[in-house]
Every structure is written in C-alpha cells, then in structure tokens.
Amino acid sequence: MATFATNRTTVGMSAGFFVSLIGAFAAWNDARITRNALSKLSARELDDIGLCIGDIDMIATRTGR
C-alpha cells in the first residue's frame, strides 16, 4: 500500500506564504521610512541631492538595490 506525504507540500507552501508576507511587509515599511525621511526635507535640500518633491514616491518604492 502506498502512502503519500501530503503535509510536506502544505507546510512548505504555508511557510513560503508567510515568508512572502513578511518580505512584503518589510518592503512596505522600508518604503514608508524612506518616504517619511525624504518628505521632511525642504525643496532646497531635495534639489541638493538631485531630487524634487515628485520623485519621493518613485524613490521610496524602488525595488532595485
């Protein structure tokens, strides 16, 4: 009689889901912190680093590292 190890796949998928969820939360939090830090800068300070107010969201949500 054959037995199937079905719980391995389920556990692996559940763990993968939670790892993805934690990764998504970490990315969201990083973007939030970056957005808040850049939002506190004046237009002059942003210009000094080559940005404008309209660039903040793009910079905060950029995924490339």
PDB file of N, CA and C in Angstrom:
ATOM      1  N   MET A   1       0.839  -1.167   0.000  1.00  0.00           N
ATOM      2  CA  MET A   1       0.000   0.000   0.000  1.00  0.00           C
ATOM      3  C   MET A   1       0.896   1.246   0.000  1.00  0.00           C
ATOM      4  N   ALA A   2       0.574   2.210  -0.818  1.00  0.00           N
ATOM      5  CA  ALA A   2       1.370   3.428  -0.930  1.00  0.00           C
ATOM      6  C   ALA A   2       0.866   4.486   0.042  1.00  0.00           C
ATOM      7  N   THR A   3       1.806   5.224   0.596  1.00  0.00           N
ATOM      8  CA  THR A   3       1.435   6.348   1.458  1.00  0.00           C
ATOM      9  C   THR A   3       1.951   7.628   0.820  1.00  0.00           C
ATOM     10  N   PHE A   4       1.241   8.667   1.028  1.00  0.00           N
ATOM     11  CA  PHE A   4       1.602   9.953   0.452  1.00  0.00           C
ATOM     12  C   PHE A   4       1.911  10.944   1.563  1.00  0.00           C
ATOM     13  N   ALA A   5       2.970  11.657   1.407  1.00  0.00           N
ATOM     14  CA  ALA A   5       3.357  12.688   2.380  1.00  0.00           C
ATOM     15  C   ALA A   5       2.772  14.017   1.919  1.00  0.00           C
ATOM     16  N   THR A   6       1.502  14.202   2.164  1.00  0.00           N
ATOM     17  CA  THR A   6       0.833  15.421   1.697  1.00  0.00           C
ATOM     18  C   THR A   6       1.120  16.616   2.579  1.00  0.00           C
ATOM     19  N   ASN A   7       1.438  16.382   3.840  1.00  0.00           N
ATOM     20  CA  ASN A   7       1.649  17.526   4.726  1.00  0.00           C
ATOM     21  C   ASN A   7       2.953  18.261   4.438  1.00  0.00           C
ATOM     22  N   ARG A   8       3.910  17.635   3.790  1.00  0.00           N
ATOM     23  CA  ARG A   8       5.160  18.326   3.454  1.00  0.00           C
ATOM     24  C   ARG A   8       4.898  19.468   2.486  1.00  0.00           C
ATOM     25  N   THR A   9       4.139  19.209   1.469  1.00  0.00           N
ATOM     26  CA  THR A   9       3.840  20.240   0.483  1.00  0.00           C
ATOM     27  C   THR A   9       3.029  21.360   1.112  1.00  0.00           C
ATOM     28  N   THR A  10       2.052  21.011   1.919  1.00  0.00           N
ATOM     29  CA  THR A  10       1.215  22.012   2.563  1.00  0.00           C
ATOM     30  C   THR A  10       2.033  22.875   3.504  1.00  0.00           C
ATOM     31  N   VAL A  11       2.891  22.258   4.282  1.00  0.00           N
ATOM     32  CA  VAL A  11       3.717  23.020   5.208  1.00  0.00           C
ATOM     33  C   VAL A  11       4.668  23.915   4.424  1.00  0.00           C
ATOM     34  N   GLY A  12       5.274  23.394   3.362  1.00  0.00           N
ATOM     35  CA  GLY A  12       6.182  24.196   2.541  1.00  0.00           C
ATOM     36  C   GLY A  12       5.479  25.375   1.912  1.00  0.00           C
ATOM     37  N   MET A  13       4.268  25.156   1.440  1.00  0.00           N
ATOM     38  CA  MET A  13       3.519  26.250   0.824  1.00  0.00           C
ATOM     39  C   MET A  13       3.118  27.275   1.870  1.00  0.00           C
ATOM     40  N   SER A  14       2.719  26.814   3.055  1.00  0.00           N
ATOM     41  CA  SER A  14       2.338  27.741   4.121  1.00  0.00           C
ATOM     42  C   SER A  14       3.527  28.562   4.567  1.00  0.00           C
ATOM     43  N   ALA A  15       4.674  27.913   4.736  1.00  0.00           N
ATOM     44  CA  ALA A  15       5.875  28.632   5.151  1.00  0.00           C
ATOM     45  C   ALA A  15       6.274  29.648   4.079  1.00  0.00           C
ATOM     46  N   GLY A  16       6.198  29.252   2.815  1.00  0.00           N
ATOM     47  CA  GLY A  16       6.519  30.161   1.723  1.00  0.00           C
ATOM     48  C   GLY A  16       5.600  31.367   1.702  1.00  0.00           C
ATOM     49  N   PHE A  17       4.338  31.147   1.984  1.00  0.00           N
ATOM     50  CA  PHE A  17       3.367  32.239   2.030  1.00  0.00           C
ATOM     51  C   PHE A  17       3.736  33.231   3.126  1.00  0.00           C
ATOM     52  N   PHE A  18       4.066  32.722   4.302  1.00  0.00           N
ATOM     53  CA  PHE A  18       4.402  33.613   5.406  1.00  0.00           C
ATOM     54  C   PHE A  18       5.731  34.331   5.178  1.00  0.00           C
ATOM     55  N   VAL A  19       6.679  33.665   4.553  1.00  0.00           N
ATOM     56  CA  VAL A  19       7.942  34.328   4.215  1.00  0.00           C
ATOM     57  C   VAL A  19       7.673  35.453   3.219  1.00  0.00           C
ATOM     58  N   SER A  20       6.834  35.203   2.232  1.00  0.00           N
ATOM     59  CA  SER A  20       6.468  36.244   1.262  1.00  0.00           C
ATOM     60  C   SER A  20       5.736  37.394   1.938  1.00  0.00           C
ATOM     61  N   LEU A  21       4.855  37.050   2.859  1.00  0.00           N
ATOM     62  CA  LEU A  21       4.095  38.072   3.578  1.00  0.00           C
ATOM     63  C   LEU A  21       5.025  38.945   4.412  1.00  0.00           C
ATOM     64  N   ILE A  22       5.966  38.331   5.094  1.00  0.00           N
ATOM     65  CA  ILE A  22       6.916  39.088   5.901  1.00  0.00           C
ATOM     66  C   ILE A  22       7.802  39.951   5.004  1.00  0.00           C
ATOM     67  N   GLY A  23       8.206  39.411   3.863  1.00  0.00           N
ATOM     68  CA  GLY A  23       9.015  40.190   2.920  1.00  0.00           C
ATOM     69  C   GLY A  23       8.259  41.389   2.380  1.00  0.00           C
ATOM     70  N   ALA A  24       6.989  41.196   2.077  1.00  0.00           N
ATOM     71  CA  ALA A  24       6.163  42.299   1.578  1.00  0.00           C
ATOM     72  C   ALA A  24       5.996  43.373   2.656  1.00  0.00           C
ATOM     73  N   PHE A  25       5.805  42.945   3.890  1.00  0.00           N
ATOM     74  CA  PHE A  25       5.676  43.905   4.986  1.00  0.00           C
ATOM     75  C   PHE A  25       6.968  44.685   5.177  1.00  0.00           C
ATOM     76  N   ALA A  26       8.109  43.994   5.121  1.00  0.00           N
ATOM     77  CA  ALA A  26       9.402  44.659   5.281  1.00  0.00           C
ATOM     78  C   ALA A  26       9.630  45.679   4.166  1.00  0.00           C
ATOM     79  N   ALA A  27       9.278  45.329   2.933  1.00  0.00           N
ATOM     80  CA  ALA A  27       9.436  46.255   1.805  1.00  0.00           C
ATOM     81  C   ALA A  27       8.539  47.474   1.978  1.00  0.00           C
ATOM     82  N   TRP A  28       7.305  47.245   2.429  1.00  0.00           N
ATOM     83  CA  TRP A  28       6.378  48.351   2.664  1.00  0.00           C
ATOM     84  C   TRP A  28       6.916  49.281   3.750  1.00  0.00           C
ATOM     85  N   ASN A  29       7.452  48.696   4.816  1.00  0.00           N
ATOM     86  CA  ASN A  29       7.970  49.501   5.919  1.00  0.00           C
ATOM     87  C   ASN A  29       9.201  50.291   5.491  1.00  0.00           C
ATOM     88  N   ASP A  30      10.078  49.678   4.712  1.00  0.00           N
ATOM     89  CA  ASP A  30      11.251  50.401   4.197  1.00  0.00           C
ATOM     90  C   ASP A  30      10.824  51.591   3.344  1.00  0.00           C
ATOM     91  N   ALA A  31       9.839  51.379   2.482  1.00  0.00           N
ATOM     92  CA  ALA A  31       9.340  52.465   1.630  1.00  0.00           C
ATOM     93  C   ALA A  31       8.715  53.566   2.480  1.00  0.00           C
ATOM     94  N   ARG A  32       7.993  53.192   3.526  1.00  0.00           N
ATOM     95  CA  ARG A  32       7.360  54.163   4.412  1.00  0.00           C
ATOM     96  C   ARG A  32       8.408  55.022   5.117  1.00  0.00           C
ATOM     97  N   ILE A  33       9.463  54.369   5.616  1.00  0.00           N
ATOM     98  CA  ILE A  33      10.518  55.101   6.316  1.00  0.00           C
ATOM     99  C   ILE A  33      11.236  56.052   5.361  1.00  0.00           C
ATOM    100  N   THR A  34      11.533  55.574   4.160  1.00  0.00           N
ATOM    101  CA  THR A  34      12.214  56.415   3.163  1.00  0.00           C
ATOM    102  C   THR A  34      11.341  57.597   2.781  1.00  0.00           C
ATOM    103  N   ARG A  35      10.056  57.329   2.532  1.00  0.00           N
ATOM    104  CA  ARG A  35       9.124  58.399   2.155  1.00  0.00           C
ATOM    105  C   ARG A  35       9.042  59.453   3.260  1.00  0.00           C
ATOM    106  N   ASN A  36       8.958  59.022   4.514  1.00  0.00           N
ATOM    107  CA  ASN A  36       8.873  59.976   5.625  1.00  0.00           C
ATOM    108  C   ASN A  36      10.147  60.802   5.760  1.00  0.00           C
ATOM    109  N   ALA A  37      11.290  60.161   5.602  1.00  0.00           N
ATOM    110  CA  ALA A  37      12.562  60.886   5.718  1.00  0.00           C
ATOM    111  C   ALA A  37      12.708  61.922   4.608  1.00  0.00           C
ATOM    112  N   LEU A  38      12.395  61.532   3.375  1.00  0.00           N
ATOM    113  CA  LEU A  38      12.513  62.473   2.260  1.00  0.00           C
ATOM    114  C   LEU A  38      11.471  63.587   2.343  1.00  0.00           C
ATOM    115  N   SER A  39      10.312  63.283   2.886  1.00  0.00           N
ATOM    116  CA  SER A  39       9.260  64.293   2.993  1.00  0.00           C
ATOM    117  C   SER A  39       9.619  65.391   3.987  1.00  0.00           C
ATOM    118  N   LYS A  40      10.502  65.093   4.907  1.00  0.00           N
ATOM    119  CA  LYS A  40      10.916  66.098   5.895  1.00  0.00           C
ATOM    120  C   LYS A  40      11.930  67.093   5.333  1.00  0.00           C
ATOM    121  N   LEU A  41      12.499  66.784   4.162  1.00  0.00           N
ATOM    122  CA  LEU A  41      13.489  67.676   3.563  1.00  0.00           C
ATOM    123  C   LEU A  41      12.794  68.825   2.833  1.00  0.00           C
ATOM    124  N   SER A  42      13.457  69.958   2.817  1.00  0.00           N
ATOM    125  CA  SER A  42      12.928  71.114   2.080  1.00  0.00           C
ATOM    126  C   SER A  42      13.191  70.922   0.587  1.00  0.00           C
ATOM    127  N   ALA A  43      12.565  71.763  -0.220  1.00  0.00           N
ATOM    128  CA  ALA A  43      12.776  71.701  -1.668  1.00  0.00           C
ATOM    129  C   ALA A  43      14.241  71.962  -1.997  1.00  0.00           C
ATOM    130  N   ARG A  44      14.866  72.844  -1.269  1.00  0.00           N
ATOM    131  CA  ARG A  44      16.290  73.154  -1.485  1.00  0.00           C
ATOM    132  C   ARG A  44      17.163  71.924  -1.167  1.00  0.00           C
ATOM    133  N   GLU A  45      16.879  71.269  -0.063  1.00  0.00           N
ATOM    134  CA  GLU A  45      17.653  70.080   0.324  1.00  0.00           C
ATOM    135  C   GLU A  45      17.460  68.954  -0.683  1.00  0.00           C
ATOM    136  N   LEU A  46      16.232  68.787  -1.164  1.00  0.00           N
ATOM    137  CA  LEU A  46      15.981  67.770  -2.190  1.00  0.00           C
ATOM    138  C   LEU A  46      16.747  68.104  -3.462  1.00  0.00           C
ATOM    139  N   ASP A  47      16.756  69.393  -3.827  1.00  0.00           N
ATOM    140  CA  ASP A  47      17.484  69.818  -5.025  1.00  0.00           C
ATOM    141  C   ASP A  47      18.982  69.550  -4.879  1.00  0.00           C
ATOM    142  N   ASP A  48      19.509  69.704  -3.679  1.00  0.00           N
ATOM    143  CA  ASP A  48      20.931  69.442  -3.435  1.00  0.00           C
ATOM    144  C   ASP A  48      21.306  67.991  -3.715  1.00  0.00           C
ATOM    145  N   ILE A  49      20.374  67.071  -3.507  1.00  0.00           N
ATOM    146  CA  ILE A  49      20.659  65.655  -3.772  1.00  0.00           C
ATOM    147  C   ILE A  49      20.082  65.191  -5.106  1.00  0.00           C
ATOM    148  N   GLY A  50      19.623  66.146  -5.901  1.00  0.00           N
ATOM    149  CA  GLY A  50      19.170  65.836  -7.253  1.00  0.00           C
ATOM    150  C   GLY A  50      17.757  65.296  -7.349  1.00  0.00           C
ATOM    151  N   LEU A  51      16.921  65.638  -6.389  1.00  0.00           N
ATOM    152  CA  LEU A  51      15.535  65.175  -6.399  1.00  0.00           C
ATOM    153  C   LEU A  51      14.585  66.356  -6.340  1.00  0.00           C
ATOM    154  N   CYS A  52      13.322  66.079  -6.646  1.00  0.00           N
ATOM    155  CA  CYS A  52      12.265  67.055  -6.423  1.00  0.00           C
ATOM    156  C   CYS A  52      11.145  66.342  -5.661  1.00  0.00           C
ATOM    157  N   ILE A  53      10.178  67.099  -5.216  1.00  0.00           N
ATOM    158  CA  ILE A  53       9.104  66.525  -4.403  1.00  0.00           C
ATOM    159  C   ILE A  53       8.389  65.399  -5.144  1.00  0.00           C
ATOM    160  N   GLY A  54       8.243  65.525  -6.454  1.00  0.00           N
ATOM    161  CA  GLY A  54       7.570  64.498  -7.250  1.00  0.00           C
ATOM    162  C   GLY A  54       8.330  63.185  -7.345  1.00  0.00           C
ATOM    163  N   ASP A  55       9.612  63.194  -7.011  1.00  0.00           N
ATOM    164  CA  ASP A  55      10.424  61.974  -7.081  1.00  0.00           C
ATOM    165  C   ASP A  55      10.314  61.098  -5.840  1.00  0.00           C
ATOM    166  N   ILE A  56       9.768  61.616  -4.765  1.00  0.00           N
ATOM    167  CA  ILE A  56       9.786  60.901  -3.492  1.00  0.00           C
ATOM    168  C   ILE A  56       9.126  59.532  -3.584  1.00  0.00           C
ATOM    169  N   ASP A  57       7.929  59.434  -4.134  1.00  0.00           N
ATOM    170  CA  ASP A  57       7.249  58.135  -4.223  1.00  0.00           C
ATOM    171  C   ASP A  57       8.028  57.147  -5.085  1.00  0.00           C
ATOM    172  N   MET A  58       8.593  57.623  -6.183  1.00  0.00           N
ATOM    173  CA  MET A  58       9.353  56.729  -7.052  1.00  0.00           C
ATOM    174  C   MET A  58      10.582  56.182  -6.309  1.00  0.00           C
ATOM    175  N   ILE A  59      11.280  57.037  -5.599  1.00  0.00           N
ATOM    176  CA  ILE A  59      12.469  56.620  -4.861  1.00  0.00           C
ATOM    177  C   ILE A  59      12.088  55.676  -3.741  1.00  0.00           C
ATOM    178  N   ALA A  60      11.023  55.973  -3.026  1.00  0.00           N
ATOM    179  CA  ALA A  60      10.620  55.166  -1.870  1.00  0.00           C
ATOM    180  C   ALA A  60      10.183  53.764  -2.267  1.00  0.00           C
ATOM    181  N   THR A  61       9.565  53.615  -3.422  1.00  0.00           N
ATOM    182  CA  THR A  61       9.023  52.304  -3.802  1.00  0.00           C
ATOM    183  C   THR A  61       9.920  51.554  -4.765  1.00  0.00           C
ATOM    184  N   ARG A  62      11.089  52.105  -5.080  1.00  0.00           N
ATOM    185  CA  ARG A  62      12.015  51.415  -5.981  1.00  0.00           C
ATOM    186  C   ARG A  62      12.476  50.119  -5.340  1.00  0.00           C
ATOM    187  N   THR A  63      12.467  49.020  -6.107  1.00  0.00           N
ATOM    188  CA  THR A  63      12.819  47.717  -5.561  1.00  0.00           C
ATOM    189  C   THR A  63      14.263  47.342  -5.819  1.00  0.00           C
ATOM    190  N   GLY A  64      14.913  47.981  -6.793  1.00  0.00           N
ATOM    191  CA  GLY A  64      16.305  47.659  -7.089  1.00  0.00           C
ATOM    192  C   GLY A  64      17.226  48.126  -5.977  1.00  0.00           C
ATOM    193  N   ARG A  65      18.189  47.295  -5.637  1.00  0.00           N
ATOM    194  CA  ARG A  65      19.108  47.671  -4.544  1.00  0.00           C
ATOM    195  C   ARG A  65      20.500  47.727  -5.039  1.00  0.00           C
TER     196      ARG A  65
END
